[in-house]
Amino acid sequence: MNVKVYNQDGQEVGSVELKPEVFDIEPNEAVVHQYIVNYLARQRQGNACTKTRREVRGGGRKPWRQKGTGRARAGTIRSPLWPGGGTVFGPEPRLYGSKMPRRMKKLALKSVFSDKAKSERIKVLERIELEEYKTKAIVDLLAKLDLEGKKCLVLDEERNEKLMYSCRNLPKVKYCRASLANGYDILNADYLVFTKAGLEKVSEVFA
């Protein structure tokens, strides 16, 4: 499968072949679903925390004697039955989600890449070179590629600060290093915008 390569002026300058091992497999929807559910679960902070009766401050002395007062027996004012007492089976800091085998992750990513390729939602640029940190430069670039108003994920080989900060103010545009792309962002984007080097890196990492 070949896709056209464009320069920053939106002019076609050639074509490049997509590696079939990454961009031309039969998508496995079940594995993709499992990957996305696990990915979103792992985005949760999981820092909700309550104190048990052992951890709540105070309550070291028995509030009244055991017998003869006419009141119910009580050993501590920090019992879960009392206001200000400890919590029974309350939330503790935890990691949501679960471990997923590396081969399944790879299959899920290749499935979403293949889905985008088959839908013809991949654009390849020769390179993206910006002279300054300028959001308008990215807006103009996407307009030349007929991607204005579309959700785009821009994938470059290495950390490109000018590109990253120029994309940051655009709510529908996200920048990511090609080797660190995750399935959720790929699936959520309408179009994938690769640099030629970024495409080679994806082919190298996920093949």
C-alpha atoms as a PDB file:
ATOM      1  CA  MET A   1       0.000   0.000   0.000  1.00  0.00           C
ATOM      2  CA  ASN A   2       1.416   3.374  -1.050  1.00  0.00           C
ATOM      3  CA  VAL A   3       0.559   6.831   0.257  1.00  0.00           C
ATOM      4  CA  LYS A   4       1.465  10.209  -1.172  1.00  0.00           C
ATOM      5  CA  VAL A   5       4.175  12.342   0.408  1.00  0.00           C
ATOM      6  CA  TYR A   6       3.643  16.097   0.647  1.00  0.00           C
ATOM      7  CA  ASN A   7       5.885  19.036   1.428  1.00  0.00           C
ATOM      8  CA  GLN A   8       4.937  21.856   3.814  1.00  0.00           C
ATOM      9  CA  ASP A   9       3.279  23.766   0.978  1.00  0.00           C
ATOM     10  CA  GLY A  10       0.844  20.902   0.437  1.00  0.00           C
ATOM     11  CA  GLN A  11       2.421  19.865  -2.861  1.00  0.00           C
ATOM     12  CA  GLU A  12       2.870  16.193  -3.721  1.00  0.00           C
ATOM     13  CA  VAL A  13       6.570  15.300  -3.891  1.00  0.00           C
ATOM     14  CA  GLY A  14       6.467  11.508  -4.118  1.00  0.00           C
ATOM     15  CA  SER A  15       5.075   8.436  -2.436  1.00  0.00           C
ATOM     16  CA  VAL A  16       6.084   5.965   0.241  1.00  0.00           C
ATOM     17  CA  GLU A  17       5.120   2.353   0.851  1.00  0.00           C
ATOM     18  CA  LEU A  18       3.427   1.452   4.121  1.00  0.00           C
ATOM     19  CA  LYS A  19       4.903  -1.620   5.759  1.00  0.00           C
ATOM     20  CA  PRO A  20       2.254  -4.377   5.453  1.00  0.00           C
ATOM     21  CA  GLU A  21       3.230  -5.932   8.824  1.00  0.00           C
ATOM     22  CA  VAL A  22       2.050  -2.725  10.542  1.00  0.00           C
ATOM     23  CA  PHE A  23      -0.446  -1.096   8.178  1.00  0.00           C
ATOM     24  CA  ASP A  24      -2.064  -4.002   6.362  1.00  0.00           C
ATOM     25  CA  ILE A  25      -3.213  -6.600   8.889  1.00  0.00           C
ATOM     26  CA  GLU A  26      -6.765  -7.665   9.694  1.00  0.00           C
ATOM     27  CA  PRO A  27      -7.765  -5.466  12.690  1.00  0.00           C
ATOM     28  CA  ASN A  28      -8.566  -7.438  15.835  1.00  0.00           C
ATOM     29  CA  GLU A  29     -11.462  -5.513  17.394  1.00  0.00           C
ATOM     30  CA  ALA A  30     -11.586  -7.582  20.595  1.00  0.00           C
ATOM     31  CA  VAL A  31      -7.921  -6.906  21.420  1.00  0.00           C
ATOM     32  CA  VAL A  32      -8.306  -3.204  20.546  1.00  0.00           C
ATOM     33  CA  HIS A  33     -11.318  -2.965  22.882  1.00  0.00           C
ATOM     34  CA  GLN A  34      -9.399  -4.651  25.693  1.00  0.00           C
ATOM     35  CA  TYR A  35      -6.421  -2.334  25.116  1.00  0.00           C
ATOM     36  CA  ILE A  36      -8.578   0.835  25.200  1.00  0.00           C
ATOM     37  CA  VAL A  37     -10.477  -0.202  28.337  1.00  0.00           C
ATOM     38  CA  ASN A  38      -7.192  -1.004  30.090  1.00  0.00           C
ATOM     39  CA  TYR A  39      -5.547   2.224  28.878  1.00  0.00           C
ATOM     40  CA  LEU A  40      -8.406   4.416  30.157  1.00  0.00           C
ATOM     41  CA  ALA A  41      -8.455   2.550  33.480  1.00  0.00           C
ATOM     42  CA  ARG A  42      -4.743   3.250  33.904  1.00  0.00           C
ATOM     43  CA  GLN A  43      -5.325   6.982  33.371  1.00  0.00           C
ATOM     44  CA  ARG A  44      -7.249   7.117  36.653  1.00  0.00           C
ATOM     45  CA  GLN A  45      -5.247   8.630  39.493  1.00  0.00           C
ATOM     46  CA  GLY A  46      -6.289   6.013  42.028  1.00  0.00           C
ATOM     47  CA  ASN A  47      -5.281   8.220  44.983  1.00  0.00           C
ATOM     48  CA  ALA A  48      -8.564   8.135  46.953  1.00  0.00           C
ATOM     49  CA  CYS A  49      -7.654   7.250  50.536  1.00  0.00           C
ATOM     50  CA  THR A  50      -9.495   6.864  53.856  1.00  0.00           C
ATOM     51  CA  LYS A  51      -8.216   6.090  57.335  1.00  0.00           C
ATOM     52  CA  THR A  52      -9.071   2.960  59.285  1.00  0.00           C
ATOM     53  CA  ARG A  53      -9.704   3.059  63.051  1.00  0.00           C
ATOM     54  CA  ARG A  54      -6.017   2.245  63.509  1.00  0.00           C
ATOM     55  CA  GLU A  55      -4.931   5.376  61.614  1.00  0.00           C
ATOM     56  CA  VAL A  56      -7.383   7.996  62.927  1.00  0.00           C
ATOM     57  CA  ARG A  57      -5.900  10.369  65.511  1.00  0.00           C
ATOM     58  CA  GLY A  58      -7.039   9.972  69.120  1.00  0.00           C
ATOM     59  CA  GLY A  59      -9.159   7.339  70.803  1.00  0.00           C
ATOM     60  CA  GLY A  60      -6.424   5.839  72.951  1.00  0.00           C
ATOM     61  CA  ARG A  61      -8.453   5.904  76.167  1.00  0.00           C
ATOM     62  CA  LYS A  62     -11.643   3.966  76.889  1.00  0.00           C
ATOM     63  CA  PRO A  63     -14.361   6.676  76.960  1.00  0.00           C
ATOM     64  CA  TRP A  64     -16.190   5.230  80.017  1.00  0.00           C
ATOM     65  CA  ARG A  65     -16.074   2.170  82.208  1.00  0.00           C
ATOM     66  CA  GLN A  66     -17.372  -1.111  80.897  1.00  0.00           C
ATOM     67  CA  LYS A  67     -20.307  -1.609  83.306  1.00  0.00           C
ATOM     68  CA  GLY A  68     -22.683   0.388  85.441  1.00  0.00           C
ATOM     69  CA  THR A  69     -23.297   3.461  83.304  1.00  0.00           C
ATOM     70  CA  GLY A  70     -26.376   2.196  81.476  1.00  0.00           C
ATOM     71  CA  ARG A  71     -24.751   3.015  78.142  1.00  0.00           C
ATOM     72  CA  ALA A  72     -23.512   0.635  75.496  1.00  0.00           C
ATOM     73  CA  ARG A  73     -20.012  -0.734  75.832  1.00  0.00           C
ATOM     74  CA  ALA A  74     -17.352   1.384  74.066  1.00  0.00           C
ATOM     75  CA  GLY A  75     -13.642   0.820  73.785  1.00  0.00           C
ATOM     76  CA  THR A  76     -12.617   3.844  71.712  1.00  0.00           C
ATOM     77  CA  ILE A  77     -14.124   7.055  70.365  1.00  0.00           C
ATOM     78  CA  ARG A  78     -12.562   6.227  66.979  1.00  0.00           C
ATOM     79  CA  SER A  79     -14.814   3.226  66.332  1.00  0.00           C
ATOM     80  CA  PRO A  80     -16.373   3.189  62.850  1.00  0.00           C
ATOM     81  CA  LEU A  81     -19.770   3.608  64.600  1.00  0.00           C
ATOM     82  CA  TRP A  82     -18.785   7.003  65.998  1.00  0.00           C
ATOM     83  CA  PRO A  83     -18.641  10.362  64.180  1.00  0.00           C
ATOM     84  CA  GLY A  84     -15.000  11.020  63.326  1.00  0.00           C
ATOM     85  CA  GLY A  85     -14.206   7.341  63.597  1.00  0.00           C
ATOM     86  CA  GLY A  86     -12.322   5.191  61.125  1.00  0.00           C
ATOM     87  CA  THR A  87     -13.764   3.935  57.848  1.00  0.00           C
ATOM     88  CA  VAL A  88     -14.478   0.266  57.249  1.00  0.00           C
ATOM     89  CA  PHE A  89     -13.332  -1.091  53.865  1.00  0.00           C
ATOM     90  CA  GLY A  90     -12.798   2.425  52.491  1.00  0.00           C
ATOM     91  CA  PRO A  91     -10.794   3.169  49.323  1.00  0.00           C
ATOM     92  CA  GLU A  92      -7.004   2.887  49.413  1.00  0.00           C
ATOM     93  CA  PRO A  93      -4.479   4.158  46.824  1.00  0.00           C
ATOM     94  CA  ARG A  94      -4.390   1.649  43.988  1.00  0.00           C
ATOM     95  CA  LEU A  95      -3.517   1.208  40.332  1.00  0.00           C
ATOM     96  CA  TYR A  96      -6.555   0.690  38.140  1.00  0.00           C
ATOM     97  CA  GLY A  97      -6.282  -1.458  35.046  1.00  0.00           C
ATOM     98  CA  SER A  98      -4.177  -4.559  34.700  1.00  0.00           C
ATOM     99  CA  LYS A  99      -1.022  -5.780  33.024  1.00  0.00           C
ATOM    100  CA  MET A 100      -1.455  -6.539  29.364  1.00  0.00           C
ATOM    101  CA  PRO A 101       0.911  -8.842  27.443  1.00  0.00           C
ATOM    102  CA  ARG A 102       3.305  -6.948  25.180  1.00  0.00           C
ATOM    103  CA  ARG A 103       2.254  -8.945  22.127  1.00  0.00           C
ATOM    104  CA  MET A 104      -1.389  -8.001  22.686  1.00  0.00           C
ATOM    105  CA  LYS A 105      -0.477  -4.310  22.975  1.00  0.00           C
ATOM    106  CA  LYS A 106       1.487  -4.547  19.750  1.00  0.00           C
ATOM    107  CA  LEU A 107      -1.398  -6.285  17.985  1.00  0.00           C
ATOM    108  CA  ALA A 108      -3.832  -3.604  19.172  1.00  0.00           C
ATOM    109  CA  LEU A 109      -1.583  -0.802  17.883  1.00  0.00           C
ATOM    110  CA  LYS A 110      -1.037  -2.508  14.541  1.00  0.00           C
ATOM    111  CA  SER A 111      -4.801  -3.023  14.281  1.00  0.00           C
ATOM    112  CA  VAL A 112      -5.563   0.690  14.722  1.00  0.00           C
ATOM    113  CA  PHE A 113      -2.760   1.675  12.312  1.00  0.00           C
ATOM    114  CA  SER A 114      -4.170  -0.751   9.731  1.00  0.00           C
ATOM    115  CA  ASP A 115      -7.678   0.598  10.228  1.00  0.00           C
ATOM    116  CA  LYS A 116      -6.472   4.156   9.525  1.00  0.00           C
ATOM    117  CA  ALA A 117      -4.533   2.992   6.461  1.00  0.00           C
ATOM    118  CA  LYS A 118      -7.522   1.128   5.006  1.00  0.00           C
ATOM    119  CA  SER A 119      -9.729   4.179   5.622  1.00  0.00           C
ATOM    120  CA  GLU A 120      -7.143   6.344   3.789  1.00  0.00           C
ATOM    121  CA  ARG A 121      -6.724   8.549   6.845  1.00  0.00           C
ATOM    122  CA  ILE A 122      -2.937   8.772   6.799  1.00  0.00           C
ATOM    123  CA  LYS A 123      -1.035  11.814   5.524  1.00  0.00           C
ATOM    124  CA  VAL A 124       2.756  11.817   5.164  1.00  0.00           C
ATOM    125  CA  LEU A 125       4.889  14.970   5.111  1.00  0.00           C
ATOM    126  CA  GLU A 126       8.465  15.055   3.936  1.00  0.00           C
ATOM    127  CA  ARG A 127       9.371  16.961   7.091  1.00  0.00           C
ATOM    128  CA  ILE A 128       7.940  19.603   9.420  1.00  0.00           C
ATOM    129  CA  GLU A 129      10.349  22.452  10.053  1.00  0.00           C
ATOM    130  CA  LEU A 130       9.099  25.544  11.881  1.00  0.00           C
ATOM    131  CA  GLU A 131      11.090  28.756  12.189  1.00  0.00           C
ATOM    132  CA  GLU A 132       9.358  29.791  15.406  1.00  0.00           C
ATOM    133  CA  TYR A 133       6.776  28.699  17.974  1.00  0.00           C
ATOM    134  CA  LYS A 134       3.644  29.607  16.026  1.00  0.00           C
ATOM    135  CA  THR A 135       0.194  27.993  16.240  1.00  0.00           C
ATOM    136  CA  LYS A 136      -0.831  29.696  13.004  1.00  0.00           C
ATOM    137  CA  ALA A 137       1.912  27.803  11.149  1.00  0.00           C
ATOM    138  CA  ILE A 138       0.239  24.491  12.068  1.00  0.00           C
ATOM    139  CA  VAL A 139      -3.223  25.844  11.181  1.00  0.00           C
ATOM    140  CA  ASP A 140      -1.918  26.893   7.740  1.00  0.00           C
ATOM    141  CA  LEU A 141      -0.144  23.551   7.252  1.00  0.00           C
ATOM    142  CA  LEU A 142      -3.283  21.538   8.036  1.00  0.00           C
ATOM    143  CA  ALA A 143      -5.359  23.778   5.762  1.00  0.00           C
ATOM    144  CA  LYS A 144      -2.983  22.999   2.863  1.00  0.00           C
ATOM    145  CA  LEU A 145      -3.544  19.291   3.517  1.00  0.00           C
ATOM    146  CA  ASP A 146      -7.363  19.739   3.615  1.00  0.00           C
ATOM    147  CA  LEU A 147      -7.409  18.810   7.307  1.00  0.00           C
ATOM    148  CA  GLU A 148      -8.837  22.048   8.679  1.00  0.00           C
ATOM    149  CA  GLY A 149     -11.224  21.345  11.572  1.00  0.00           C
ATOM    150  CA  LYS A 150     -10.296  17.642  11.683  1.00  0.00           C
ATOM    151  CA  LYS A 151      -8.901  15.840  14.724  1.00  0.00           C
ATOM    152  CA  CYS A 152      -5.262  15.143  13.873  1.00  0.00           C
ATOM    153  CA  LEU A 153      -2.457  13.281  15.588  1.00  0.00           C
ATOM    154  CA  VAL A 154       0.949  14.537  14.441  1.00  0.00           C
ATOM    155  CA  LEU A 155       3.710  11.923  14.725  1.00  0.00           C
ATOM    156  CA  ASP A 156       7.361  12.868  14.378  1.00  0.00           C
ATOM    157  CA  GLU A 157      10.457  10.765  14.998  1.00  0.00           C
ATOM    158  CA  GLU A 158      12.113  12.793  17.759  1.00  0.00           C
ATOM    159  CA  ARG A 159      11.091  15.427  20.279  1.00  0.00           C
ATOM    160  CA  ASN A 160      10.319  18.551  18.271  1.00  0.00           C
ATOM    161  CA  GLU A 161       9.703  21.396  20.726  1.00  0.00           C
ATOM    162  CA  LYS A 162       8.601  23.970  18.154  1.00  0.00           C
ATOM    163  CA  LEU A 163       6.097  21.513  16.706  1.00  0.00           C
ATOM    164  CA  MET A 164       4.906  20.372  20.141  1.00  0.00           C
ATOM    165  CA  TYR A 165       4.273  23.897  21.475  1.00  0.00           C
ATOM    166  CA  SER A 166       2.740  25.046  18.181  1.00  0.00           C
ATOM    167  CA  CYS A 167       0.174  22.224  18.355  1.00  0.00           C
ATOM    168  CA  ARG A 168      -0.574  22.707  22.033  1.00  0.00           C
ATOM    169  CA  ASN A 169      -3.184  25.472  21.685  1.00  0.00           C
ATOM    170  CA  LEU A 170      -5.206  23.617  19.057  1.00  0.00           C
ATOM    171  CA  PRO A 171      -7.926  21.525  20.761  1.00  0.00           C
ATOM    172  CA  LYS A 172      -8.225  19.066  17.860  1.00  0.00           C
ATOM    173  CA  VAL A 173      -4.502  18.628  17.197  1.00  0.00           C
ATOM    174  CA  LYS A 174      -2.124  16.542  19.274  1.00  0.00           C
ATOM    175  CA  TYR A 175       1.606  15.993  18.852  1.00  0.00           C
ATOM    176  CA  CYS A 176       3.390  12.814  19.892  1.00  0.00           C
ATOM    177  CA  ARG A 177       6.688  11.092  19.250  1.00  0.00           C
ATOM    178  CA  ALA A 178       6.072   8.232  16.827  1.00  0.00           C
ATOM    179  CA  SER A 179       7.614   5.537  19.033  1.00  0.00           C
ATOM    180  CA  LEU A 180       5.440   6.582  22.006  1.00  0.00           C
ATOM    181  CA  ALA A 181       2.094   6.667  20.209  1.00  0.00           C
ATOM    182  CA  ASN A 182      -0.760   4.999  22.082  1.00  0.00           C
ATOM    183  CA  GLY A 183      -3.791   3.264  20.638  1.00  0.00           C
ATOM    184  CA  TYR A 184      -6.336   5.579  22.234  1.00  0.00           C
ATOM    185  CA  ASP A 185      -4.930   8.741  20.596  1.00  0.00           C
ATOM    186  CA  ILE A 186      -4.548   6.962  17.247  1.00  0.00           C
ATOM    187  CA  LEU A 187      -8.122   5.670  17.324  1.00  0.00           C
ATOM    188  CA  ASN A 188      -9.498   9.017  18.534  1.00  0.00           C
ATOM    189  CA  ALA A 189      -7.877  10.999  15.694  1.00  0.00           C
ATOM    190  CA  ASP A 190      -9.614  11.499  12.363  1.00  0.00           C
ATOM    191  CA  TYR A 191      -6.256  11.618  10.557  1.00  0.00           C
ATOM    192  CA  LEU A 192      -2.674  10.611  11.330  1.00  0.00           C
ATOM    193  CA  VAL A 193      -0.101  13.125  10.062  1.00  0.00           C
ATOM    194  CA  PHE A 194       3.334  11.480   9.863  1.00  0.00           C
ATOM    195  CA  THR A 195       6.648  12.967   8.976  1.00  0.00           C
ATOM    196  CA  LYS A 196       8.594  10.607   6.724  1.00  0.00           C
ATOM    197  CA  ALA A 197      11.051   9.941   9.564  1.00  0.00           C
ATOM    198  CA  GLY A 198       8.147   9.335  11.975  1.00  0.00           C
ATOM    199  CA  LEU A 199       6.607   6.778   9.604  1.00  0.00           C
ATOM    200  CA  GLU A 200       9.925   4.934   9.342  1.00  0.00           C
ATOM    201  CA  LYS A 201      10.200   4.912  13.143  1.00  0.00           C
ATOM    202  CA  VAL A 202       6.700   3.433  13.539  1.00  0.00           C
ATOM    203  CA  SER A 203       7.508   0.758  10.979  1.00  0.00           C
ATOM    204  CA  GLU A 204      10.735  -0.056  12.829  1.00  0.00           C
ATOM    205  CA  VAL A 205       9.200  -0.174  16.322  1.00  0.00           C
ATOM    206  CA  PHE A 206       5.921  -2.005  15.630  1.00  0.00           C
ATOM    207  CA  ALA A 207       6.899  -4.360  12.794  1.00  0.00           C
END
